[in-house]
Each structure stands twice: as C-alpha cells, then as structure tokens.
Protein backbone atom coordinates (compact mmCIF):
# COMPACT_ATOMS: atom_id res chain seq x y z
CA MET A 1 0.00 0.00 0.00
CA SER A 2 1.46 3.36 -0.94
CA ALA A 3 1.66 6.34 1.41
CA THR A 4 -1.06 8.03 -0.62
CA SER A 5 -3.61 5.22 -0.64
CA GLY A 6 -5.95 3.82 2.04
CA GLY A 7 -4.82 4.95 5.48
CA GLY A 8 -1.61 6.48 4.19
CA SER A 9 -2.20 10.03 5.41
CA VAL A 10 -0.95 9.20 8.92
CA ARG A 11 2.08 7.40 7.51
CA ARG A 12 2.78 10.27 5.10
CA ALA A 13 2.56 12.78 7.95
CA GLU A 14 4.97 10.70 10.06
CA ILE A 15 7.43 10.46 7.17
CA GLU A 16 7.24 14.22 6.60
CA ARG A 17 7.75 14.83 10.32
CA ALA A 18 10.76 12.51 10.41
CA VAL A 19 12.36 14.16 7.38
CA ARG A 20 11.90 17.68 8.76
CA LYS A 21 14.48 17.90 11.52
CA PRO A 22 13.34 20.13 14.38
CA THR A 23 16.98 20.51 15.45
CA ALA A 24 20.35 19.35 14.20
CA ASP A 25 21.51 18.85 17.79
CA LEU A 26 20.67 15.25 18.65
CA THR A 27 21.31 15.83 22.35
CA ALA A 28 18.80 18.68 22.36
CA TYR A 29 16.30 16.42 20.60
CA ASP A 30 16.96 13.63 23.12
CA LEU A 31 16.32 16.07 25.99
CA TYR A 32 13.08 17.13 24.31
CA LEU A 33 11.94 13.53 23.94
CA ARG A 34 12.90 12.73 27.54
CA ALA A 35 10.76 15.69 28.69
CA MET A 36 7.59 14.39 27.03
CA PRO A 37 6.60 11.70 29.60
CA ASP A 38 7.03 14.23 32.41
CA PHE A 39 5.20 16.87 30.39
CA TYR A 40 2.18 14.62 29.88
CA ALA A 41 2.23 13.28 33.47
CA ARG A 42 0.45 16.47 34.56
CA THR A 43 2.00 16.37 38.01
CA GLN A 44 3.99 19.01 39.84
CA ALA A 45 7.07 16.78 39.85
CA GLY A 46 6.65 16.08 36.13
CA HIS A 47 6.17 19.77 35.48
CA GLY A 48 9.49 20.62 37.13
CA ALA A 49 11.36 17.79 35.43
CA ALA A 50 9.99 18.60 31.97
CA LYS A 51 10.78 22.28 32.43
CA ARG A 52 14.41 21.49 33.32
CA LEU A 53 14.84 19.15 30.34
CA LEU A 54 13.28 21.59 27.86
CA GLU A 55 15.36 24.48 29.19
CA GLU A 56 18.47 22.35 28.80
CA ALA A 57 17.45 21.48 25.22
CA LEU A 58 17.10 25.19 24.48
CA GLU A 59 20.51 25.93 25.98
CA ARG A 60 21.94 23.50 23.42
CA ASP A 61 19.82 24.84 20.54
CA PRO A 62 18.13 28.20 21.16
CA ASN A 63 16.30 27.93 17.80
CA PHE A 64 14.60 24.60 18.62
CA ALA A 65 11.06 25.88 18.10
CA GLN A 66 9.25 22.68 19.11
CA ALA A 67 11.03 22.63 22.47
CA ARG A 68 10.35 26.35 22.96
CA SER A 69 6.65 25.99 22.12
CA MET A 70 6.25 23.01 24.46
CA LEU A 71 8.01 24.98 27.19
CA ALA A 72 5.58 27.87 26.61
CA TRP A 73 2.68 25.48 27.01
CA LEU A 74 4.30 23.97 30.10
CA TRP A 75 4.64 27.40 31.71
CA ALA A 76 0.97 28.09 30.93
CA LEU A 77 -0.11 24.79 32.46
CA GLY A 78 2.05 25.40 35.53
CA GLY A 79 0.32 28.73 36.02
CA PHE A 80 -3.14 27.18 35.71
CA ALA A 81 -2.23 24.37 38.11
CA GLY A 82 -0.80 26.78 40.68
CA TRP A 83 2.70 25.31 40.44
CA GLU A 84 4.23 28.69 39.60
CA GLU A 85 4.25 31.35 42.32
CA ASP A 86 4.57 34.47 40.16
CA HIS A 87 1.37 34.45 38.09
CA ASP A 88 2.14 37.58 36.07
CA GLY A 89 5.72 36.47 35.45
CA THR A 90 4.53 33.01 34.45
CA ARG A 91 2.00 34.46 32.00
CA ASP A 92 4.61 36.78 30.49
CA ARG A 93 7.18 33.97 30.25
CA ALA A 94 4.72 31.66 28.45
CA ILE A 95 3.65 34.38 26.00
CA ASN A 96 7.26 35.37 25.27
CA LEU A 97 8.27 31.75 24.69
CA ALA A 98 5.32 31.28 22.32
CA ARG A 99 6.25 34.41 20.34
CA GLU A 100 9.90 33.32 20.19
CA ALA A 101 8.93 29.82 19.01
CA LEU A 102 6.80 31.29 16.23
CA ALA A 103 9.67 33.57 15.23
CA SER A 104 11.93 30.50 14.91
CA ASP A 105 9.45 28.34 12.99
CA SER A 106 5.98 29.49 12.00
CA SER A 107 5.28 26.49 9.79
CA ASP A 108 5.62 23.51 12.14
CA PRO A 109 2.14 22.20 13.08
CA LEU A 110 3.13 21.39 16.68
CA VAL A 111 4.62 24.86 17.16
CA LEU A 112 1.51 26.47 15.67
CA ALA A 113 -0.81 24.41 17.87
CA CYS A 114 1.04 25.00 21.14
CA CYS A 115 1.56 28.69 20.48
CA GLY A 116 -2.03 29.18 19.34
CA PHE A 117 -3.19 27.61 22.59
CA VAL A 118 -0.90 29.73 24.78
CA LEU A 119 -1.59 32.99 22.98
CA THR A 120 -5.34 32.48 23.05
CA LEU A 121 -5.51 31.63 26.73
CA LEU A 122 -2.88 33.94 28.13
CA ALA A 123 -2.58 36.83 25.68
CA GLY A 124 -6.29 36.91 24.82
CA VAL A 125 -5.62 37.12 21.09
CA TYR A 126 -8.45 34.80 20.10
CA GLU A 127 -8.44 35.43 16.36
CA GLU A 128 -4.68 35.00 16.11
CA GLY A 129 -4.74 31.87 18.27
CA SER A 130 -7.58 30.34 16.28
CA ALA A 131 -5.78 31.15 13.02
CA LEU A 132 -2.62 29.43 14.31
CA LEU A 133 -4.61 26.32 15.20
CA ASP A 134 -6.28 26.36 11.78
CA ARG A 135 -2.86 26.63 10.14
CA ALA A 136 -1.61 23.69 12.23
CA ILE A 137 -4.48 21.54 11.01
CA ALA A 138 -4.05 22.69 7.41
CA ALA A 139 -0.33 21.84 7.57
CA ASN A 140 -1.04 18.46 9.15
CA PRO A 141 -4.66 17.25 9.24
CA ASN A 142 -3.50 14.59 11.72
CA CYS A 143 -2.18 17.14 14.24
CA ALA A 144 -3.90 15.89 17.38
CA GLU A 145 -2.40 18.73 19.43
CA ALA A 146 -4.25 21.30 17.32
CA TYR A 147 -7.57 19.49 17.63
CA ILE A 148 -7.13 18.94 21.37
CA ARG A 149 -6.10 22.53 22.06
CA GLY A 150 -8.69 24.21 19.91
CA CYS A 151 -11.58 21.85 19.27
CA GLY A 152 -10.63 21.66 15.62
CA GLY A 153 -9.27 25.19 15.63
CA ARG A 154 -12.52 26.72 16.95
CA PHE A 155 -12.90 28.04 20.47
C-alpha cells in the first residue's frame, strides 16, 4: 500500500515529520523527547522535570522551536495548576516563549498548535490563536495537538 492510498495520510505525515528535523543537535532532541513523559504526566514533579529538560534542550539549541513551544505550554499549564508562584511572570514567560517559538518556525504544526493555545488563553488574542490552530491543522490534518487545544481550531 502506498503512502497516498488507504490509510496512508498518517504514515505520510509521520514520514514528513521525520524528514523535517526540528533541530540538528541530537542531544537537544533527546532532551526534548525525555521531557515528554514528564510533560504529559500532569504532576507538579513532572512539570518541574519537563521544564528542566526543555530548558536544557534550548541551551543547546536556542532555535529549537518545538522545544520552545512546548516549554511555553508547560509554563501556561504550571500557572493554571498553581505550580508557579509568580502568576504575572509566568504568564509573560509563556507568551514570550510562544512568540519566540513562532519567530523561529511558524510552519511547524506542533509549534503552531502549542503557540495558538498559549496565545489564546494567556494573551487573549483569540483570532490569532484560532488562526494558528487552523494553520496547524491545514499543515497536518492529523495534528492531534491542534484538535485537542482548539476543538478543531474553533474556540
């Protein structure tokens, strides 16, 4: 079965994702991947561990937009969960990280989805956030993050 026939859209998206390197620094990418279980654990301990790993990935590659966008989302979640003490600083940090991630890569569906989510919730730019989520879905119709964050790009 070819990548374009029956059920191939997921495979095609995975191949495209694998070909497009989010970073040339394999250690930064490894740190990013190691952060994901902690990120999705949705615990205070996981929050802290994921934050440290993503920050370390960004020290190695400051232009790693996927890591920066996930860190923005992590800061936002930490603020909502009450795991960050400085609410205004947390909000500003998340928004700045989202803007920086978009400046590094405004075409990656994961970056668009995470940043659209953060900017909508924390910056209150609903049209911009919705447009970013729509772009994420247009770029990758299988982008679960965009659907989860924006109900199909609609708030």
